[in-house]
C-alpha atoms as a PDB file:
ATOM      1  CA  UNK A   1    -130.790 -51.936 244.009  1.00  0.00           C
ATOM      2  CA  UNK A   2    -131.770 -55.226 242.378  1.00  0.00           C
ATOM      3  CA  UNK A   3    -130.004 -55.629 239.037  1.00  0.00           C
ATOM      4  CA  UNK A   4    -131.492 -59.028 238.143  1.00  0.00           C
ATOM      5  CA  UNK A   5    -133.578 -57.591 235.286  1.00  0.00           C
ATOM      6  CA  UNK A   6    -130.571 -55.679 233.967  1.00  0.00           C
ATOM      7  CA  UNK A   7    -128.432 -58.798 234.036  1.00  0.00           C
ATOM      8  CA  UNK A   8    -131.086 -60.936 232.338  1.00  0.00           C
ATOM      9  CA  UNK A   9    -131.630 -58.387 229.578  1.00  0.00           C
ATOM     10  CA  UNK A  10    -127.898 -57.831 229.102  1.00  0.00           C
ATOM     11  CA  UNK A  11    -127.204 -61.575 228.942  1.00  0.00           C
ATOM     12  CA  UNK A  12    -129.996 -62.062 226.410  1.00  0.00           C
ATOM     13  CA  UNK A  13    -128.660 -59.231 224.232  1.00  0.00           C
ATOM     14  CA  UNK A  14    -125.091 -60.546 224.427  1.00  0.00           C
ATOM     15  CA  UNK A  15    -126.194 -64.031 223.374  1.00  0.00           C
ATOM     16  CA  UNK A  16    -128.497 -62.933 220.571  1.00  0.00           C
ATOM     17  CA  UNK A  17    -126.190 -60.261 219.256  1.00  0.00           C
ATOM     18  CA  UNK A  18    -123.124 -62.495 219.242  1.00  0.00           C
ATOM     19  CA  UNK A  19    -124.957 -64.976 217.039  1.00  0.00           C
ATOM     20  CA  UNK A  20    -126.358 -62.412 214.640  1.00  0.00           C
ATOM     21  CA  UNK A  21    -123.001 -60.623 214.433  1.00  0.00           C
ATOM     22  CA  UNK A  22    -121.284 -63.843 213.413  1.00  0.00           C
ATOM     23  CA  UNK A  23    -123.915 -64.450 210.729  1.00  0.00           C
ATOM     24  CA  UNK A  24    -123.324 -60.925 209.406  1.00  0.00           C
ATOM     25  CA  UNK A  25    -119.599 -61.624 209.225  1.00  0.00           C
ATOM     26  CA  UNK A  26    -120.116 -64.877 207.345  1.00  0.00           C
ATOM     27  CA  UNK A  27    -122.643 -63.238 204.991  1.00  0.00           C
ATOM     28  CA  UNK A  28    -120.132 -60.463 204.342  1.00  0.00           C
ATOM     29  CA  UNK A  29    -117.481 -63.000 203.390  1.00  0.00           C
ATOM     30  CA  UNK A  30    -119.967 -64.814 201.158  1.00  0.00           C
ATOM     31  CA  UNK A  31    -121.027 -61.613 199.378  1.00  0.00           C
ATOM     32  CA  UNK A  32    -117.411 -60.582 198.833  1.00  0.00           C
ATOM     33  CA  UNK A  33    -116.666 -64.013 197.347  1.00  0.00           C
ATOM     34  CA  UNK A  34    -119.556 -63.439 194.926  1.00  0.00           C
ATOM     35  CA  UNK A  35    -117.972 -60.177 193.782  1.00  0.00           C
ATOM     36  CA  UNK A  36    -120.250 -57.883 195.786  1.00  0.00           C
ATOM     37  CA  UNK A  37    -117.383 -56.051 197.484  1.00  0.00           C
ATOM     38  CA  UNK A  38    -119.418 -53.117 198.882  1.00  0.00           C
ATOM     39  CA  UNK A  39    -122.228 -55.284 200.203  1.00  0.00           C
ATOM     40  CA  UNK A  40    -119.765 -57.729 201.711  1.00  0.00           C
ATOM     41  CA  UNK A  41    -117.831 -54.946 203.413  1.00  0.00           C
ATOM     42  CA  UNK A  42    -121.072 -53.471 204.754  1.00  0.00           C
ATOM     43  CA  UNK A  43    -121.794 -56.713 206.590  1.00  0.00           C
ATOM     44  CA  UNK A  44    -118.196 -57.170 207.755  1.00  0.00           C
ATOM     45  CA  UNK A  45    -118.324 -53.651 209.211  1.00  0.00           C
ATOM     46  CA  UNK A  46    -121.698 -54.480 210.730  1.00  0.00           C
ATOM     47  CA  UNK A  47    -120.113 -57.464 212.490  1.00  0.00           C
ATOM     48  CA  UNK A  48    -117.496 -55.192 214.053  1.00  0.00           C
ATOM     49  CA  UNK A  49    -120.128 -52.686 215.143  1.00  0.00           C
ATOM     50  CA  UNK A  50    -122.297 -55.376 216.718  1.00  0.00           C
ATOM     51  CA  UNK A  51    -119.355 -56.869 218.591  1.00  0.00           C
ATOM     52  CA  UNK A  52    -118.710 -53.416 220.059  1.00  0.00           C
ATOM     53  CA  UNK A  53    -122.238 -53.567 221.516  1.00  0.00           C
ATOM     54  CA  UNK A  54    -121.489 -57.038 222.878  1.00  0.00           C
ATOM     55  CA  UNK A  55    -118.440 -55.531 224.608  1.00  0.00           C
ATOM     56  CA  UNK A  56    -120.491 -52.707 226.115  1.00  0.00           C
ATOM     57  CA  UNK A  57    -123.066 -55.090 227.553  1.00  0.00           C
ATOM     58  CA  UNK A  58    -120.388 -57.518 228.726  1.00  0.00           C
ATOM     59  CA  UNK A  59    -118.511 -54.727 230.479  1.00  0.00           C
ATOM     60  CA  UNK A  60    -121.729 -53.542 232.120  1.00  0.00           C
ATOM     61  CA  UNK A  61    -122.410 -57.043 233.420  1.00  0.00           C
ATOM     62  CA  UNK A  62    -118.851 -57.276 234.740  1.00  0.00           C
ATOM     63  CA  UNK A  63    -119.255 -53.849 236.394  1.00  0.00           C
ATOM     64  CA  UNK A  64    -122.281 -55.246 238.201  1.00  0.00           C
ATOM     65  CA  UNK A  65    -120.288 -58.253 239.417  1.00  0.00           C
ATOM     66  CA  UNK A  66    -121.740 -60.815 237.023  1.00  0.00           C
ATOM     67  CA  UNK A  67    -119.656 -63.021 234.776  1.00  0.00           C
ATOM     68  CA  UNK A  68    -121.560 -63.388 231.485  1.00  0.00           C
ATOM     69  CA  UNK A  69    -122.405 -66.834 230.164  1.00  0.00           C
ATOM     70  CA  UNK A  70    -121.333 -67.768 226.667  1.00  0.00           C
ATOM     71  CA  UNK A  71    -124.124 -69.627 224.923  1.00  0.00           C
ATOM     72  CA  UNK A  72    -123.804 -71.367 221.581  1.00  0.00           C
ATOM     73  CA  UNK A  73    -126.546 -70.623 219.085  1.00  0.00           C
ATOM     74  CA  UNK A  74    -128.435 -72.799 216.685  1.00  0.00           C
ATOM     75  CA  UNK A  75    -127.154 -73.549 213.238  1.00  0.00           C
ATOM     76  CA  UNK A  76    -127.912 -70.931 210.588  1.00  0.00           C
ATOM     77  CA  UNK A  77    -127.640 -71.395 206.851  1.00  0.00           C
ATOM     78  CA  UNK A  78    -126.146 -68.545 204.851  1.00  0.00           C
ATOM     79  CA  UNK A  79    -128.302 -67.042 202.117  1.00  0.00           C
ATOM     80  CA  UNK A  80    -126.593 -66.717 198.745  1.00  0.00           C
ATOM     81  CA  UNK A  81    -129.105 -64.331 197.159  1.00  0.00           C
ATOM     82  CA  UNK A  82    -128.395 -60.787 198.429  1.00  0.00           C
ATOM     83  CA  UNK A  83    -132.005 -59.618 198.085  1.00  0.00           C
ATOM     84  CA  UNK A  84    -133.343 -62.683 199.882  1.00  0.00           C
ATOM     85  CA  UNK A  85    -130.818 -62.094 202.647  1.00  0.00           C
ATOM     86  CA  UNK A  86    -131.846 -58.460 203.098  1.00  0.00           C
ATOM     87  CA  UNK A  87    -135.502 -59.523 203.223  1.00  0.00           C
ATOM     88  CA  UNK A  88    -134.686 -62.097 205.909  1.00  0.00           C
ATOM     89  CA  UNK A  89    -132.531 -59.598 207.802  1.00  0.00           C
ATOM     90  CA  UNK A  90    -135.314 -56.999 207.684  1.00  0.00           C
ATOM     91  CA  UNK A  91    -137.688 -59.474 209.319  1.00  0.00           C
ATOM     92  CA  UNK A  92    -135.164 -60.114 212.096  1.00  0.00           C
ATOM     93  CA  UNK A  93    -134.461 -56.389 212.491  1.00  0.00           C
ATOM     94  CA  UNK A  94    -138.162 -55.650 212.934  1.00  0.00           C
ATOM     95  CA  UNK A  95    -138.486 -58.382 215.559  1.00  0.00           C
ATOM     96  CA  UNK A  96    -135.353 -57.182 217.343  1.00  0.00           C
ATOM     97  CA  UNK A  97    -136.393 -53.530 217.434  1.00  0.00           C
ATOM     98  CA  UNK A  98    -139.833 -54.512 218.715  1.00  0.00           C
ATOM     99  CA  UNK A  99    -138.225 -56.621 221.466  1.00  0.00           C
ATOM    100  CA  UNK A 100    -135.939 -53.781 222.484  1.00  0.00           C
ATOM    101  CA  UNK A 101    -138.875 -51.387 222.776  1.00  0.00           C
ATOM    102  CA  UNK A 102    -140.629 -53.897 225.024  1.00  0.00           C
ATOM    103  CA  UNK A 103    -137.663 -54.325 227.366  1.00  0.00           C
ATOM    104  CA  UNK A 104    -136.878 -50.624 227.795  1.00  0.00           C
ATOM    105  CA  UNK A 105    -139.304 -50.188 230.742  1.00  0.00           C
ATOM    106  CA  UNK A 106    -137.595 -53.119 232.482  1.00  0.00           C
ATOM    107  CA  UNK A 107    -134.368 -51.113 232.554  1.00  0.00           C
ATOM    108  CA  UNK A 108    -135.835 -47.888 233.933  1.00  0.00           C
ATOM    109  CA  UNK A 109    -134.344 -48.501 237.404  1.00  0.00           C
ATOM    110  CA  UNK A 110    -130.832 -48.787 235.922  1.00  0.00           C
ATOM    111  CA  UNK A 111    -130.028 -45.559 234.032  1.00  0.00           C
ATOM    112  CA  UNK A 112    -126.640 -46.807 232.816  1.00  0.00           C
ATOM    113  CA  UNK A 113    -127.961 -49.928 231.103  1.00  0.00           C
ATOM    114  CA  UNK A 114    -131.035 -47.994 229.977  1.00  0.00           C
ATOM    115  CA  UNK A 115    -128.797 -45.470 228.186  1.00  0.00           C
ATOM    116  CA  UNK A 116    -126.702 -48.223 226.590  1.00  0.00           C
ATOM    117  CA  UNK A 117    -129.861 -49.956 225.387  1.00  0.00           C
ATOM    118  CA  UNK A 118    -131.411 -46.727 224.142  1.00  0.00           C
ATOM    119  CA  UNK A 119    -128.304 -46.061 222.014  1.00  0.00           C
ATOM    120  CA  UNK A 120    -128.311 -49.668 220.832  1.00  0.00           C
ATOM    121  CA  UNK A 121    -131.996 -49.398 219.905  1.00  0.00           C
ATOM    122  CA  UNK A 122    -131.299 -46.290 217.812  1.00  0.00           C
ATOM    123  CA  UNK A 123    -128.497 -48.157 216.051  1.00  0.00           C
ATOM    124  CA  UNK A 124    -130.779 -51.115 215.353  1.00  0.00           C
ATOM    125  CA  UNK A 125    -133.456 -48.800 213.963  1.00  0.00           C
ATOM    126  CA  UNK A 126    -130.867 -47.375 211.547  1.00  0.00           C
ATOM    127  CA  UNK A 127    -130.068 -50.928 210.412  1.00  0.00           C
ATOM    128  CA  UNK A 128    -133.761 -51.611 209.903  1.00  0.00           C
ATOM    129  CA  UNK A 129    -134.123 -48.443 207.825  1.00  0.00           C
ATOM    130  CA  UNK A 130    -131.084 -49.425 205.751  1.00  0.00           C
ATOM    131  CA  UNK A 131    -132.687 -52.786 204.912  1.00  0.00           C
ATOM    132  CA  UNK A 132    -135.922 -51.036 203.955  1.00  0.00           C
ATOM    133  CA  UNK A 133    -134.053 -48.515 201.798  1.00  0.00           C
ATOM    134  CA  UNK A 134    -132.184 -51.248 199.947  1.00  0.00           C
ATOM    135  CA  UNK A 135    -135.361 -53.171 199.162  1.00  0.00           C
ATOM    136  CA  UNK A 136    -137.012 -49.934 198.044  1.00  0.00           C
ATOM    137  CA  UNK A 137    -133.999 -49.191 195.830  1.00  0.00           C
ATOM    138  CA  UNK A 138    -134.201 -52.680 194.301  1.00  0.00           C
ATOM    139  CA  UNK A 139    -137.864 -52.053 193.545  1.00  0.00           C
ATOM    140  CA  UNK A 140    -137.087 -48.724 191.883  1.00  0.00           C
ATOM    141  CA  UNK A 141    -133.950 -49.505 189.862  1.00  0.00           C
ATOM    142  CA  UNK A 142    -134.206 -53.286 189.495  1.00  0.00           C
ATOM    143  CA  UNK A 143    -132.169 -56.047 191.031  1.00  0.00           C
ATOM    144  CA  UNK A 144    -129.456 -56.073 188.349  1.00  0.00           C
ATOM    145  CA  UNK A 145    -128.783 -52.341 188.688  1.00  0.00           C
ATOM    146  CA  UNK A 146    -128.754 -52.642 192.468  1.00  0.00           C
ATOM    147  CA  UNK A 147    -126.362 -55.591 192.342  1.00  0.00           C
ATOM    148  CA  UNK A 148    -124.016 -53.596 190.092  1.00  0.00           C
ATOM    149  CA  UNK A 149    -123.893 -50.906 192.779  1.00  0.00           C
ATOM    150  CA  UNK A 150    -122.826 -53.524 195.310  1.00  0.00           C
ATOM    151  CA  UNK A 151    -119.702 -54.531 193.398  1.00  0.00           C
END
C-alpha cells in the first residue's frame, strides 16, 4: 500500500499543529499575566491537548517508517485583547476544520490515520464551537461581564 498521501497529510498536520499549539501556550501565559486566570488556563490546556495530537501523528509516521521533519513556522504576534484573539482563533479554526474535511477522502486507504484524523476533526470542531459560544456570550452579557468570568 502506498502511504505517501498519509505521510504528507500527517507531516502537514504536525507542522501546522505544532505552531498553533505554541501560540495557544503563549496566549495562555499572556492572558494569565493579565489576570484572566481561567482563560489563560484554557489555552494552556489547549496547548497540551494539541501536542498530544502531534504525538499521535508523529507516532503514526514513525510506525510507517518515516522520520517526521521539524519545520519552523513564521513569526506570530500575540493578541492582547481576549475578544480579538478569540475572533482571530475562530477564523483559523474554521479554515482548519474546512481543510480537514477536504483531506479526509485522501486518507480513505489508510484506516488507522483516517480514524486518528476523524477524531482530531471532531476535537477541532469542538474548539470551533467553543470560540463561537464565547463570542455569542460576549454579545449577550457584554465584554466586561465576560471578562470577569475569565478571571
